[in-house]
Each structure stands twice: as C-alpha cells, then as structure tokens.
Amino acid sequence: MFFFYFKPHKHISLHQIHKIMFFLAVSFFDNRFETQTVYRGIFDCVVKTYTHEGFHGFFKGMSFPVVSVAISNAVAFGSYSNALDYLTRSGYNNSEQSKQSSLTALFVSAPIDLVKVRLQNQTKSGGNKYRGPIHCIAVILREDGVKGLFRGMWALALRDVPCFGLYFLPYELICRMLTEKGKQPGNTAVLVAGGVAGVVTWACATPMDVVKARLQMCGGGGRMYSGVLNCITVSVREEGMRVFFKGLLLNSVRAFPVNAVTFLSFEMLLRAMTDSPQD
C-alpha cells in the first residue's frame, strides 16, 4: 500500500522532461553561484558560461535527473499521499506527514543530486573530470566507495526534512482557502498554491542548499570541508552571512512555475486514476 500512487507518477515522465529542462537551466546557475566565487553576478555567469562552453553548457547534468525524476517524484508524492491518508485518520498534522515523505525521498535524491552538482560545476578551464553521469558515479565509487555517493547527505537532510514540511503545508492551506467547502480545488487554486508552496520552501531551503552544494563538491574539485558545521563556519568567515542567500532570486524564479505545474500534474493524474467511471 505504501507505493499505491507510484504507477500514476511513472506516466508523467514526458511532462517531467519539459519541466526538468527549465529547472536545470536555472539550477545550473544556482549551483555555480553557490559553489564558485569567480562570478560577479547572474549576467556575468551567463556570459562566461556561453563564451567558454556554448549553449549546451547550460544543460550540464541534465540526462541523469531526466531519467530518474519520475522515480524520485513518485517516491516523494507517493509517500506524501499515503502518509496523508494514514495521518488524517490518526489525527496528526500535515507537517508531520510531509517530513515522513522527505525522509523516504532522501535516499533516492541524494546520489542523483550529487551527480548533478558535480557535472554542472565542471568547466573547460578546470578540466572535465567526468565524461557523463555514469562515469561520474564510477569515479566516485572508485575514489570514495559507496559512501561517496551520499556526500553532503546530512546537509541535504537538514534542507529537505524541515522544508518538505513547509512544502506540502502551505499548499494544503492555500488550496483550502481558495476552494469552497466540500468541493475539489480548481486548476487555478492548485497552480497558485503549488507556486507559493515552492517559493516559500526554497526561501527557507536556500541557506542549507548552499552548504549542501559546497559539501558535494568536496573531492570533485571544490574546497574540502570536514562537515556541515565547518562549511558554515568557513563560509561565513570568508564571505559573510550573505553567502547563504546566493541563488535565492534564481531559486524563487524557478520555484513558482515548476512547482505550480508539478502540483497541477499531480492533482489531475490523481483524479484521473481515482475517479469512478460514469455510466
């Protein structure tokens, strides 16, 4: 029963490919901004990337998430849906069910996110250590073993576990505010609620996202840190508190449309799979 909603999510892979292309184009700049200090701003990052790597450079690290996004989203939303059903009957709140879904998704998303960050931070000037996602995994396993695939996982957990509580909670609240009692939320309500939920979540997640990305680059050409606390201390000492808000604007610009469409797809597919056929 745990993966009751797994099958519907497998059918959104084509939509997810279009969504992930936009997501990764913005995520590309976000990751470089958070881990590298050679760019003066967003425009400078765009110009230097296009000059040295061409248009295809904006989509580095795309292939692995495209293949795996249906699975990771299925785990996250499937866990959420089943936890919602169970905890509603048990009298718990939406924040608790959201945290349970994030714990499940964490073990799926950690290696995927690590490979994406490593590939997106490769530059021609710094040399291409990885030829692609599979080669990246092979190199990490050879150099660091299986535990290397989960580098930065604690920072990812500190980002995702509390923030998934914020992800689904505002979505549920806004949907209820925009929907008449006893009725299903309309498409507009779902789009607005999903978009706002994404922005709120990423506003809270960005500081730990910076730490996570920097830890993931340890061993991949980035600076070495001994752990989450050491990364926070060194980053604040050298760049000030503003370092934790690098990429906040990009995250917010990305978050609204991507999460609005994600939740609308989820709701539409869920209704299509659960509605009784009309005679």
Protein backbone atom coordinates (compact mmCIF):
# COMPACT_ATOMS: atom_id res chain seq x y z
CA MET A 1 0.00 0.00 0.00
CA PHE A 2 2.97 2.29 0.56
CA PHE A 3 3.56 2.84 -3.17
CA PHE A 4 -0.12 2.97 -4.10
CA TYR A 5 0.44 6.17 -6.09
CA PHE A 6 3.69 5.07 -7.71
CA LYS A 7 2.18 3.96 -11.02
CA PRO A 8 0.42 7.23 -11.95
CA HIS A 9 3.65 9.16 -11.49
CA LYS A 10 5.52 6.96 -13.92
CA HIS A 11 3.22 8.30 -16.64
CA ILE A 12 4.31 11.92 -16.17
CA SER A 13 7.83 11.34 -17.45
CA LEU A 14 7.26 13.21 -20.75
CA HIS A 15 5.91 16.24 -18.92
CA GLN A 16 8.75 15.99 -16.44
CA ILE A 17 11.31 16.12 -19.26
CA HIS A 18 10.00 19.54 -20.35
CA LYS A 19 9.84 20.73 -16.76
CA ILE A 20 13.30 19.46 -15.89
CA MET A 21 14.86 21.27 -18.86
CA PHE A 22 13.69 24.60 -17.45
CA PHE A 23 14.55 23.52 -13.92
CA LEU A 24 18.11 22.53 -14.78
CA ALA A 25 18.82 25.59 -16.90
CA VAL A 26 18.10 27.73 -13.82
CA SER A 27 19.54 25.18 -11.40
CA PHE A 28 22.79 25.25 -13.39
CA PHE A 29 23.41 28.91 -12.50
CA ASP A 30 22.19 28.32 -8.96
CA ASN A 31 24.78 25.58 -8.35
CA ARG A 32 27.66 27.52 -9.87
CA PHE A 33 26.68 30.61 -7.92
CA GLU A 34 26.60 28.71 -4.64
CA THR A 35 29.88 26.82 -5.05
CA GLN A 36 32.11 29.19 -7.06
CA THR A 37 33.24 32.75 -6.33
CA VAL A 38 34.54 33.67 -9.82
CA TYR A 39 31.25 35.20 -10.99
CA ARG A 40 30.29 38.80 -10.20
CA GLY A 41 26.59 38.18 -10.76
CA ILE A 42 23.96 36.26 -12.72
CA PHE A 43 24.67 38.05 -16.01
CA ASP A 44 28.41 37.50 -15.64
CA CYS A 45 27.78 33.79 -15.05
CA VAL A 46 25.59 33.57 -18.18
CA VAL A 47 28.11 35.38 -20.39
CA LYS A 48 31.15 33.41 -19.20
CA THR A 49 29.34 30.08 -19.47
CA TYR A 50 28.13 30.76 -23.02
CA THR A 51 31.53 32.11 -24.10
CA HIS A 52 33.53 29.14 -22.81
CA GLU A 53 31.04 26.27 -23.07
CA GLY A 54 28.37 27.25 -25.56
CA PHE A 55 24.60 26.87 -25.24
CA HIS A 56 24.80 23.19 -24.30
CA GLY A 57 26.78 24.21 -21.21
CA PHE A 58 23.56 25.48 -19.62
CA PHE A 59 22.17 21.94 -19.58
CA LYS A 60 25.06 20.08 -17.97
CA GLY A 61 23.95 17.32 -15.66
CA MET A 62 20.50 17.07 -17.29
CA SER A 63 20.45 13.46 -18.52
CA PHE A 64 20.60 11.73 -15.14
CA PRO A 65 17.79 13.75 -13.49
CA VAL A 66 15.59 13.36 -16.61
CA VAL A 67 15.86 9.58 -16.35
CA SER A 68 15.38 9.48 -12.57
CA VAL A 69 12.94 12.35 -11.89
CA ALA A 70 9.83 10.20 -12.37
CA ILE A 71 11.10 7.75 -9.76
CA SER A 72 12.15 10.39 -7.21
CA ASN A 73 8.88 12.32 -7.62
CA ALA A 74 6.92 9.10 -7.35
CA VAL A 75 8.63 8.32 -4.04
CA ALA A 76 8.09 11.84 -2.66
CA PHE A 77 4.45 12.26 -3.70
CA GLY A 78 3.61 8.61 -3.12
CA SER A 79 4.95 8.81 0.44
CA TYR A 80 3.09 12.08 0.95
CA SER A 81 -0.21 10.70 -0.31
CA ASN A 82 -0.06 7.54 1.78
CA ALA A 83 1.17 9.41 4.86
CA LEU A 84 -1.65 11.93 4.37
CA ASP A 85 -4.21 9.14 4.26
CA TYR A 86 -2.78 7.43 7.34
CA LEU A 87 -2.16 10.53 9.45
CA THR A 88 -5.53 12.10 8.61
CA ARG A 89 -7.18 9.06 10.13
CA SER A 90 -4.72 9.19 13.05
CA GLY A 91 -5.26 12.88 13.77
CA TYR A 92 -1.75 14.16 13.01
CA ASN A 93 -0.95 17.33 11.08
CA ASN A 94 0.23 17.93 7.51
CA SER A 95 3.72 18.97 8.57
CA GLU A 96 4.39 15.54 10.11
CA GLN A 97 3.28 13.63 7.02
CA SER A 98 5.45 15.89 4.85
CA LYS A 99 8.55 15.13 6.90
CA GLN A 100 7.91 11.40 6.56
CA SER A 101 7.77 11.72 2.78
CA SER A 102 11.01 13.71 2.72
CA LEU A 103 12.87 11.04 4.71
CA THR A 104 11.85 8.40 2.18
CA ALA A 105 12.79 10.52 -0.83
CA LEU A 106 16.14 11.48 0.69
CA PHE A 107 17.85 8.17 -0.05
CA VAL A 108 16.73 8.35 -3.68
CA SER A 109 17.56 12.01 -4.30
CA ALA A 110 20.97 12.23 -2.55
CA PRO A 111 23.06 10.35 -5.17
CA ILE A 112 21.11 11.94 -8.06
CA ASP A 113 21.67 15.43 -6.68
CA LEU A 114 25.36 14.76 -6.05
CA VAL A 115 25.97 13.70 -9.67
CA LYS A 116 24.02 16.69 -11.00
CA VAL A 117 26.02 19.18 -8.89
CA ARG A 118 29.36 17.61 -9.86
CA LEU A 119 28.55 17.72 -13.59
CA GLN A 120 27.13 21.24 -13.51
CA ASN A 121 30.22 22.63 -11.81
CA GLN A 122 32.64 21.28 -14.43
CA THR A 123 34.21 24.00 -16.56
CA LYS A 124 36.56 23.74 -19.52
CA SER A 125 39.14 25.84 -17.72
CA GLY A 126 39.06 23.48 -14.76
CA GLY A 127 39.09 20.33 -16.87
CA ASN A 128 36.37 17.72 -17.29
CA LYS A 129 36.92 15.05 -14.68
CA TYR A 130 33.65 13.31 -15.54
CA ARG A 131 32.57 12.32 -19.06
CA GLY A 132 28.93 11.83 -18.05
CA PRO A 133 26.65 10.70 -15.21
CA ILE A 134 27.60 7.01 -15.37
CA HIS A 135 31.30 7.84 -15.50
CA CYS A 136 30.80 10.26 -12.61
CA ILE A 137 29.24 7.51 -10.49
CA ALA A 138 32.04 5.11 -11.41
CA VAL A 139 34.74 7.64 -10.45
CA ILE A 140 33.05 8.43 -7.14
CA LEU A 141 32.72 4.73 -6.30
CA ARG A 142 36.36 4.11 -7.20
CA GLU A 143 37.68 7.06 -5.18
CA ASP A 144 35.33 7.17 -2.19
CA GLY A 145 33.30 3.96 -2.22
CA VAL A 146 29.52 3.75 -1.83
CA LYS A 147 29.54 6.36 0.95
CA GLY A 148 30.89 8.86 -1.59
CA LEU A 149 27.53 8.84 -3.36
CA PHE A 150 25.95 10.21 -0.18
CA ARG A 151 28.43 13.05 0.36
CA GLY A 152 26.54 16.08 1.64
CA MET A 153 23.58 13.92 2.60
CA TRP A 154 23.34 15.37 6.13
CA ALA A 155 23.14 18.89 4.70
CA LEU A 156 20.55 17.62 2.22
CA ALA A 157 18.60 16.13 5.12
CA LEU A 158 18.80 19.41 7.07
CA ARG A 159 17.45 21.15 3.98
CA ASP A 160 14.77 18.70 2.90
CA VAL A 161 13.29 17.24 6.10
CA PRO A 162 12.08 20.55 7.61
CA CYS A 163 11.46 22.17 4.21
CA PHE A 164 9.25 19.35 2.95
CA GLY A 165 7.10 20.15 5.99
CA LEU A 166 6.81 23.65 4.56
CA TYR A 167 6.37 22.35 1.01
CA PHE A 168 3.08 20.50 1.42
CA LEU A 169 1.68 22.50 4.35
CA PRO A 170 1.19 25.88 2.56
CA TYR A 171 -0.10 24.00 -0.47
CA GLU A 172 -2.86 22.37 1.58
CA LEU A 173 -3.69 25.59 3.42
CA ILE A 174 -3.87 27.79 0.30
CA CYS A 175 -5.92 25.19 -1.58
CA ARG A 176 -8.44 25.19 1.27
CA MET A 177 -8.53 28.99 1.36
CA LEU A 178 -9.23 29.19 -2.39
CA THR A 179 -11.76 26.34 -2.50
CA GLU A 180 -15.38 26.25 -1.38
CA LYS A 181 -16.07 23.79 1.40
CA GLY A 182 -16.93 20.35 0.15
CA LYS A 183 -15.53 20.91 -3.35
CA GLN A 184 -12.33 19.85 -5.09
CA PRO A 185 -9.77 22.64 -5.66
CA GLY A 186 -9.83 24.05 -9.18
CA ASN A 187 -6.84 24.31 -11.50
CA THR A 188 -6.21 27.96 -10.64
CA ALA A 189 -6.20 27.23 -6.92
CA VAL A 190 -3.78 24.33 -7.42
CA LEU A 191 -1.43 26.42 -9.59
CA VAL A 192 -1.36 29.31 -7.10
CA ALA A 193 -0.99 27.05 -4.07
CA GLY A 194 1.74 24.96 -5.71
CA GLY A 195 3.69 28.02 -6.86
CA VAL A 196 3.53 29.73 -3.46
CA ALA A 197 4.48 26.49 -1.70
CA GLY A 198 7.56 26.23 -3.92
CA VAL A 199 8.68 29.82 -3.29
CA VAL A 200 8.16 29.58 0.48
CA THR A 201 10.04 26.30 0.62
CA TRP A 202 13.04 27.49 -1.39
CA ALA A 203 13.26 30.75 0.56
CA CYS A 204 13.81 28.62 3.67
CA ALA A 205 15.94 25.99 1.91
CA THR A 206 18.47 28.23 0.15
CA PRO A 207 20.92 28.70 3.09
CA MET A 208 21.33 24.96 3.62
CA ASP A 209 21.30 24.40 -0.14
CA VAL A 210 24.48 26.48 -0.36
CA VAL A 211 26.12 24.32 2.33
CA LYS A 212 24.90 21.13 0.65
CA ALA A 213 26.31 22.09 -2.75
CA ARG A 214 29.69 23.02 -1.30
CA LEU A 215 29.97 19.75 0.60
CA GLN A 216 29.02 17.79 -2.52
CA MET A 217 31.90 19.40 -4.41
CA CYS A 218 34.43 18.10 -1.86
CA GLY A 219 36.53 15.62 -3.80
CA GLY A 220 35.12 16.91 -7.07
CA GLY A 221 37.42 19.88 -7.46
CA GLY A 222 35.88 22.03 -4.73
CA ARG A 223 37.24 23.13 -1.38
CA MET A 224 37.46 20.47 1.31
CA TYR A 225 35.30 20.76 4.43
CA SER A 226 35.23 18.41 7.40
CA GLY A 227 31.46 18.62 7.79
CA VAL A 228 28.35 20.79 7.84
CA LEU A 229 29.44 22.97 10.78
CA ASN A 230 32.92 23.51 9.34
CA CYS A 231 31.45 24.51 5.97
CA ILE A 232 29.11 27.02 7.63
CA THR A 233 31.92 28.49 9.78
CA VAL A 234 34.44 28.84 6.94
CA SER A 235 31.85 30.26 4.51
CA VAL A 236 30.67 32.92 6.98
CA ARG A 237 34.22 33.88 7.93
CA GLU A 238 35.31 34.35 4.31
CA GLU A 239 32.15 35.64 2.61
CA GLY A 240 29.85 36.88 5.37
CA MET A 241 26.22 35.96 6.08
CA ARG A 242 25.17 36.93 2.55
CA VAL A 243 26.78 33.73 1.29
CA PHE A 244 23.74 31.79 2.50
CA PHE A 245 21.44 33.73 0.19
CA LYS A 246 23.38 33.11 -3.01
CA GLY A 247 20.96 31.90 -5.63
CA LEU A 248 17.85 32.96 -3.66
CA LEU A 249 16.47 35.02 -6.55
CA LEU A 250 17.10 32.22 -9.06
CA ASN A 251 15.53 29.65 -6.74
CA SER A 252 12.41 31.79 -6.36
CA VAL A 253 12.10 32.43 -10.12
CA ARG A 254 12.40 28.71 -10.74
CA ALA A 255 10.23 27.59 -7.84
CA PHE A 256 6.88 29.18 -8.73
CA PRO A 257 6.26 27.84 -12.27
CA VAL A 258 7.95 24.47 -11.69
CA ASN A 259 6.02 23.66 -8.52
CA ALA A 260 2.75 25.10 -9.84
CA VAL A 261 2.89 22.70 -12.81
CA THR A 262 4.11 19.83 -10.62
CA PHE A 263 1.15 20.04 -8.25
CA LEU A 264 -1.34 20.53 -11.09
CA SER A 265 0.01 17.40 -12.81
CA PHE A 266 -0.19 15.51 -9.53
CA GLU A 267 -3.80 16.52 -8.85
CA MET A 268 -5.00 15.91 -12.42
CA LEU A 269 -3.42 12.47 -12.62
CA LEU A 270 -4.63 11.55 -9.15
CA ARG A 271 -8.21 12.45 -10.08
CA ALA A 272 -7.96 10.60 -13.39
CA MET A 273 -6.75 7.45 -11.64
CA THR A 274 -9.26 7.55 -8.77
CA ASP A 275 -12.48 8.94 -10.30
CA SER A 276 -15.14 6.30 -10.83
CA PRO A 277 -16.20 5.80 -14.46
CA GLN A 278 -19.50 7.38 -15.32
CA ASP A 279 -22.22 5.17 -16.80
